[in-house]
Amino acid sequence: MRYIAVFLLFLQSLLGYTYNELLLDAQSRIYPKLLMLEEGIAARHSDKPVIFTVLYSPEDEFVAERIVEKIEAYYDHLLGGVPFEADMATFDELDIGLHSDAFYILKGDEESIKKAVEYAMREKIPVFVYDYKDLKDGALFALTIEQSTVIYLNRSTLHKAGVVFTPALYSIVRFVDAE
């Protein structure tokens, strides 16, 4: 039995980062709803879908696929009466001219996350992250599960991002300055 436990620990370290399934589920349900609180997003998308893109490193492709499947199952391509699509892309695909209305960034190296955040800033789209610690790289939102679910909004990035949300959003988030 001890050998099995050691083997599993070794296997986990070889495969890299592990994700909390409960947190992934909560973020997959809440992040799209937060995106829809952006002012004017429904009006801009009356005839085309809102695109919510999961960005990932190649080793996390399976996790990204699961998140897209969860989002599609929860929302069935419609959110708040607006056509809605979940998509996925690797960090390397950002150079191709990827169109998206928001990014949900999984774990990645610091350089990849910063590159994605810079791209989002240029395009004026919000960035949601899996890990709260990635707010320091300029992401806008993180959600954690502590004693309750907490949505963090990076105040210092909000002004730089150029994204405006409805006032209701500001009453439900916890502001942090993560730069």
C-alpha atoms as a PDB file:
ATOM      1  CA  MET A   1       0.000   0.000   0.000  1.00  0.00           C
ATOM      2  CA  ARG A   2       2.848   2.357   0.834  1.00  0.00           C
ATOM      3  CA  TYR A   3       4.396   1.704  -2.580  1.00  0.00           C
ATOM      4  CA  ILE A   4       1.174   2.664  -4.309  1.00  0.00           C
ATOM      5  CA  ALA A   5       1.005   5.968  -2.414  1.00  0.00           C
ATOM      6  CA  VAL A   6       4.628   6.772  -3.284  1.00  0.00           C
ATOM      7  CA  PHE A   7       3.984   5.849  -6.916  1.00  0.00           C
ATOM      8  CA  LEU A   8       0.928   8.122  -7.082  1.00  0.00           C
ATOM      9  CA  LEU A   9       2.874  11.029  -5.583  1.00  0.00           C
ATOM     10  CA  PHE A  10       5.671  10.440  -8.065  1.00  0.00           C
ATOM     11  CA  LEU A  11       3.198  10.243 -10.953  1.00  0.00           C
ATOM     12  CA  GLN A  12       1.554  13.507  -9.879  1.00  0.00           C
ATOM     13  CA  SER A  13       4.900  15.289  -9.821  1.00  0.00           C
ATOM     14  CA  LEU A  14       5.703  13.945 -13.302  1.00  0.00           C
ATOM     15  CA  LEU A  15       2.395  15.040 -14.755  1.00  0.00           C
ATOM     16  CA  GLY A  16       2.670  18.489 -13.228  1.00  0.00           C
ATOM     17  CA  TYR A  17      -0.043  20.692 -11.861  1.00  0.00           C
ATOM     18  CA  THR A  18      -3.300  19.190 -10.649  1.00  0.00           C
ATOM     19  CA  TYR A  19      -6.594  21.041 -10.734  1.00  0.00           C
ATOM     20  CA  ASN A  20      -9.297  21.177  -8.082  1.00  0.00           C
ATOM     21  CA  GLU A  21     -12.420  19.785  -9.751  1.00  0.00           C
ATOM     22  CA  LEU A  22     -14.796  21.678  -7.455  1.00  0.00           C
ATOM     23  CA  LEU A  23     -13.055  24.967  -8.244  1.00  0.00           C
ATOM     24  CA  LEU A  24     -13.103  24.254 -11.990  1.00  0.00           C
ATOM     25  CA  ASP A  25     -16.806  23.533 -11.776  1.00  0.00           C
ATOM     26  CA  ALA A  26     -17.559  26.742  -9.856  1.00  0.00           C
ATOM     27  CA  GLN A  27     -15.456  28.868 -12.207  1.00  0.00           C
ATOM     28  CA  SER A  28     -17.072  27.259 -15.274  1.00  0.00           C
ATOM     29  CA  ARG A  29     -20.495  28.246 -13.960  1.00  0.00           C
ATOM     30  CA  ILE A  30     -19.714  31.731 -12.619  1.00  0.00           C
ATOM     31  CA  TYR A  31     -17.144  33.240 -15.007  1.00  0.00           C
ATOM     32  CA  PRO A  32     -19.482  33.324 -18.038  1.00  0.00           C
ATOM     33  CA  LYS A  33     -22.147  35.027 -15.925  1.00  0.00           C
ATOM     34  CA  LEU A  34     -19.637  37.651 -14.788  1.00  0.00           C
ATOM     35  CA  LEU A  35     -18.670  38.269 -18.408  1.00  0.00           C
ATOM     36  CA  MET A  36     -22.297  38.975 -19.236  1.00  0.00           C
ATOM     37  CA  LEU A  37     -22.242  41.784 -16.646  1.00  0.00           C
ATOM     38  CA  GLU A  38     -19.948  43.766 -18.938  1.00  0.00           C
ATOM     39  CA  GLU A  39     -21.834  46.849 -20.063  1.00  0.00           C
ATOM     40  CA  GLY A  40     -23.056  46.689 -23.642  1.00  0.00           C
ATOM     41  CA  ILE A  41     -21.968  43.117 -24.341  1.00  0.00           C
ATOM     42  CA  ALA A  42     -25.486  41.913 -25.194  1.00  0.00           C
ATOM     43  CA  ALA A  43     -26.034  44.807 -27.612  1.00  0.00           C
ATOM     44  CA  ARG A  44     -22.725  44.103 -29.381  1.00  0.00           C
ATOM     45  CA  HIS A  45     -23.665  40.436 -29.807  1.00  0.00           C
ATOM     46  CA  SER A  46     -27.256  40.428 -30.965  1.00  0.00           C
ATOM     47  CA  ASP A  47     -26.322  38.625 -34.197  1.00  0.00           C
ATOM     48  CA  LYS A  48     -23.086  36.852 -33.300  1.00  0.00           C
ATOM     49  CA  PRO A  49     -22.132  34.784 -30.258  1.00  0.00           C
ATOM     50  CA  VAL A  50     -20.112  35.950 -27.280  1.00  0.00           C
ATOM     51  CA  ILE A  51     -16.853  33.973 -27.382  1.00  0.00           C
ATOM     52  CA  PHE A  52     -15.385  32.826 -24.058  1.00  0.00           C
ATOM     53  CA  THR A  53     -11.925  31.305 -24.659  1.00  0.00           C
ATOM     54  CA  VAL A  54     -10.092  28.955 -22.310  1.00  0.00           C
ATOM     55  CA  LEU A  55      -6.328  29.472 -22.702  1.00  0.00           C
ATOM     56  CA  TYR A  56      -4.068  26.586 -21.751  1.00  0.00           C
ATOM     57  CA  SER A  57      -0.630  25.024 -22.007  1.00  0.00           C
ATOM     58  CA  PRO A  58      -0.438  21.917 -24.232  1.00  0.00           C
ATOM     59  CA  GLU A  59      -0.233  19.597 -21.217  1.00  0.00           C
ATOM     60  CA  ASP A  60      -3.593  20.940 -19.969  1.00  0.00           C
ATOM     61  CA  GLU A  61      -5.555  20.284 -23.165  1.00  0.00           C
ATOM     62  CA  PHE A  62      -7.740  17.667 -21.477  1.00  0.00           C
ATOM     63  CA  VAL A  63      -8.613  20.096 -18.659  1.00  0.00           C
ATOM     64  CA  ALA A  64      -9.503  22.820 -21.181  1.00  0.00           C
ATOM     65  CA  GLU A  65     -11.727  20.373 -23.083  1.00  0.00           C
ATOM     66  CA  ARG A  66     -13.541  19.448 -19.853  1.00  0.00           C
ATOM     67  CA  ILE A  67     -14.134  23.124 -19.038  1.00  0.00           C
ATOM     68  CA  VAL A  68     -15.559  23.832 -22.496  1.00  0.00           C
ATOM     69  CA  GLU A  69     -17.808  20.767 -22.163  1.00  0.00           C
ATOM     70  CA  LYS A  70     -18.992  21.954 -18.736  1.00  0.00           C
ATOM     71  CA  ILE A  71     -19.764  25.450 -19.995  1.00  0.00           C
ATOM     72  CA  GLU A  72     -21.666  24.092 -22.998  1.00  0.00           C
ATOM     73  CA  ALA A  73     -23.639  21.754 -20.735  1.00  0.00           C
ATOM     74  CA  TYR A  74     -24.519  24.561 -18.295  1.00  0.00           C
ATOM     75  CA  TYR A  75     -25.482  27.182 -20.844  1.00  0.00           C
ATOM     76  CA  ASP A  76     -26.370  25.287 -24.041  1.00  0.00           C
ATOM     77  CA  HIS A  77     -24.923  28.037 -26.271  1.00  0.00           C
ATOM     78  CA  LEU A  78     -27.173  30.735 -24.811  1.00  0.00           C
ATOM     79  CA  LEU A  79     -26.540  33.007 -21.830  1.00  0.00           C
ATOM     80  CA  GLY A  80     -29.016  35.674 -20.805  1.00  0.00           C
ATOM     81  CA  GLY A  81     -30.724  35.460 -24.180  1.00  0.00           C
ATOM     82  CA  VAL A  82     -27.430  36.080 -26.007  1.00  0.00           C
ATOM     83  CA  PRO A  83     -25.719  33.479 -28.236  1.00  0.00           C
ATOM     84  CA  PHE A  84     -22.730  32.140 -26.319  1.00  0.00           C
ATOM     85  CA  GLU A  85     -19.810  29.894 -27.300  1.00  0.00           C
ATOM     86  CA  ALA A  86     -16.985  28.425 -25.271  1.00  0.00           C
ATOM     87  CA  ASP A  87     -13.750  27.888 -27.154  1.00  0.00           C
ATOM     88  CA  MET A  88     -10.192  26.890 -26.309  1.00  0.00           C
ATOM     89  CA  ALA A  89      -6.748  27.882 -27.515  1.00  0.00           C
ATOM     90  CA  THR A  90      -3.156  27.397 -26.478  1.00  0.00           C
ATOM     91  CA  PHE A  91      -1.033  30.343 -25.416  1.00  0.00           C
ATOM     92  CA  ASP A  92       0.836  30.024 -28.733  1.00  0.00           C
ATOM     93  CA  GLU A  93      -2.355  30.610 -30.735  1.00  0.00           C
ATOM     94  CA  LEU A  94      -2.642  34.175 -29.445  1.00  0.00           C
ATOM     95  CA  ASP A  95      -0.303  35.354 -32.211  1.00  0.00           C
ATOM     96  CA  ILE A  96      -2.690  34.212 -34.909  1.00  0.00           C
ATOM     97  CA  GLY A  97      -5.245  36.966 -34.271  1.00  0.00           C
ATOM     98  CA  LEU A  98      -7.593  35.053 -32.048  1.00  0.00           C
ATOM     99  CA  HIS A  99     -11.009  36.684 -31.563  1.00  0.00           C
ATOM    100  CA  SER A 100     -12.520  36.374 -28.099  1.00  0.00           C
ATOM    101  CA  ASP A 101     -14.669  38.389 -25.706  1.00  0.00           C
ATOM    102  CA  ALA A 102     -12.914  37.034 -22.596  1.00  0.00           C
ATOM    103  CA  PHE A 103     -10.115  34.708 -21.563  1.00  0.00           C
ATOM    104  CA  TYR A 104     -10.182  32.069 -18.851  1.00  0.00           C
ATOM    105  CA  ILE A 105      -6.517  31.271 -18.231  1.00  0.00           C
ATOM    106  CA  LEU A 106      -5.501  27.938 -16.767  1.00  0.00           C
ATOM    107  CA  LYS A 107      -2.060  27.429 -15.274  1.00  0.00           C
ATOM    108  CA  GLY A 108       0.894  28.391 -17.365  1.00  0.00           C
ATOM    109  CA  ASP A 109       4.338  29.816 -17.023  1.00  0.00           C
ATOM    110  CA  GLU A 110       4.545  33.466 -16.019  1.00  0.00           C
ATOM    111  CA  GLU A 111       5.645  34.583 -19.486  1.00  0.00           C
ATOM    112  CA  SER A 112       2.636  32.934 -21.177  1.00  0.00           C
ATOM    113  CA  ILE A 113       0.189  34.406 -18.694  1.00  0.00           C
ATOM    114  CA  LYS A 114       1.662  37.885 -19.078  1.00  0.00           C
ATOM    115  CA  LYS A 115       1.517  37.546 -22.877  1.00  0.00           C
ATOM    116  CA  ALA A 116      -2.167  36.575 -22.682  1.00  0.00           C
ATOM    117  CA  VAL A 117      -2.961  39.450 -20.317  1.00  0.00           C
ATOM    118  CA  GLU A 118      -1.164  41.950 -22.573  1.00  0.00           C
ATOM    119  CA  TYR A 119      -3.130  40.648 -25.552  1.00  0.00           C
ATOM    120  CA  ALA A 120      -6.383  41.010 -23.583  1.00  0.00           C
ATOM    121  CA  MET A 121      -5.482  44.560 -22.554  1.00  0.00           C
ATOM    122  CA  ARG A 122      -4.934  45.531 -26.197  1.00  0.00           C
ATOM    123  CA  GLU A 123      -8.258  43.981 -27.171  1.00  0.00           C
ATOM    124  CA  LYS A 124     -10.013  45.380 -24.065  1.00  0.00           C
ATOM    125  CA  ILE A 125     -11.380  42.044 -22.892  1.00  0.00           C
ATOM    126  CA  PRO A 126     -11.583  40.704 -19.334  1.00  0.00           C
ATOM    127  CA  VAL A 127      -9.256  37.990 -18.080  1.00  0.00           C
ATOM    128  CA  PHE A 128     -10.368  35.325 -15.612  1.00  0.00           C
ATOM    129  CA  VAL A 129      -7.786  33.013 -14.016  1.00  0.00           C
ATOM    130  CA  TYR A 130      -7.858  29.620 -12.388  1.00  0.00           C
ATOM    131  CA  ASP A 131      -5.318  30.524  -9.713  1.00  0.00           C
ATOM    132  CA  TYR A 132      -5.703  33.596  -7.496  1.00  0.00           C
ATOM    133  CA  LYS A 133      -1.921  34.060  -7.566  1.00  0.00           C
ATOM    134  CA  ASP A 134      -2.105  34.906 -11.273  1.00  0.00           C
ATOM    135  CA  LEU A 135      -3.820  38.209 -10.499  1.00  0.00           C
ATOM    136  CA  LYS A 136      -0.317  39.585  -9.940  1.00  0.00           C
ATOM    137  CA  ASP A 137       0.307  39.137 -13.678  1.00  0.00           C
ATOM    138  CA  GLY A 138      -2.491  41.574 -14.509  1.00  0.00           C
ATOM    139  CA  ALA A 139      -5.552  39.326 -14.752  1.00  0.00           C
ATOM    140  CA  LEU A 140      -8.863  40.870 -13.792  1.00  0.00           C
ATOM    141  CA  PHE A 141     -10.843  38.135 -11.989  1.00  0.00           C
ATOM    142  CA  ALA A 142     -10.146  35.142  -9.790  1.00  0.00           C
ATOM    143  CA  LEU A 143     -12.616  32.981  -7.925  1.00  0.00           C
ATOM    144  CA  THR A 144     -11.707  30.952  -4.871  1.00  0.00           C
ATOM    145  CA  ILE A 145     -13.607  28.706  -2.542  1.00  0.00           C
ATOM    146  CA  GLU A 146     -12.768  29.534   1.037  1.00  0.00           C
ATOM    147  CA  GLN A 147     -15.456  29.392   3.718  1.00  0.00           C
ATOM    148  CA  SER A 148     -17.685  30.578   0.892  1.00  0.00           C
ATOM    149  CA  THR A 149     -17.149  31.389  -2.753  1.00  0.00           C
ATOM    150  CA  VAL A 150     -15.176  34.619  -3.176  1.00  0.00           C
ATOM    151  CA  ILE A 151     -14.836  36.533  -6.429  1.00  0.00           C
ATOM    152  CA  TYR A 152     -11.761  38.765  -6.539  1.00  0.00           C
ATOM    153  CA  LEU A 153     -11.503  41.769  -8.841  1.00  0.00           C
ATOM    154  CA  ASN A 154      -8.067  43.239  -9.445  1.00  0.00           C
ATOM    155  CA  ARG A 155      -8.727  46.968  -8.979  1.00  0.00           C
ATOM    156  CA  SER A 156      -5.383  48.052 -10.437  1.00  0.00           C
ATOM    157  CA  THR A 157      -6.044  46.127 -13.658  1.00  0.00           C
ATOM    158  CA  LEU A 158      -9.667  47.220 -13.986  1.00  0.00           C
ATOM    159  CA  HIS A 159      -8.732  50.754 -14.993  1.00  0.00           C
ATOM    160  CA  LYS A 160      -6.052  49.578 -17.434  1.00  0.00           C
ATOM    161  CA  ALA A 161      -8.319  46.994 -19.055  1.00  0.00           C
ATOM    162  CA  GLY A 162     -10.837  49.535 -20.248  1.00  0.00           C
ATOM    163  CA  VAL A 163     -13.710  47.158 -19.504  1.00  0.00           C
ATOM    164  CA  VAL A 164     -16.780  48.547 -17.739  1.00  0.00           C
ATOM    165  CA  PHE A 165     -19.210  46.328 -15.865  1.00  0.00           C
ATOM    166  CA  THR A 166     -22.685  46.973 -14.541  1.00  0.00           C
ATOM    167  CA  PRO A 167     -22.755  48.421 -11.005  1.00  0.00           C
ATOM    168  CA  ALA A 168     -24.258  45.185  -9.641  1.00  0.00           C
ATOM    169  CA  LEU A 169     -20.958  43.390 -10.239  1.00  0.00           C
ATOM    170  CA  TYR A 170     -18.996  45.785  -8.062  1.00  0.00           C
ATOM    171  CA  SER A 171     -21.235  44.996  -5.095  1.00  0.00           C
ATOM    172  CA  ILE A 172     -20.526  41.242  -5.188  1.00  0.00           C
ATOM    173  CA  VAL A 173     -16.740  41.187  -5.672  1.00  0.00           C
ATOM    174  CA  ARG A 174     -13.883  41.631  -3.252  1.00  0.00           C
ATOM    175  CA  PHE A 175     -11.430  44.205  -4.569  1.00  0.00           C
ATOM    176  CA  VAL A 176      -7.685  43.511  -4.417  1.00  0.00           C
ATOM    177  CA  ASP A 177      -4.668  45.399  -5.718  1.00  0.00           C
ATOM    178  CA  ALA A 178      -2.558  42.566  -7.084  1.00  0.00           C
ATOM    179  CA  GLU A 179       0.219  44.332  -8.974  1.00  0.00           C
END
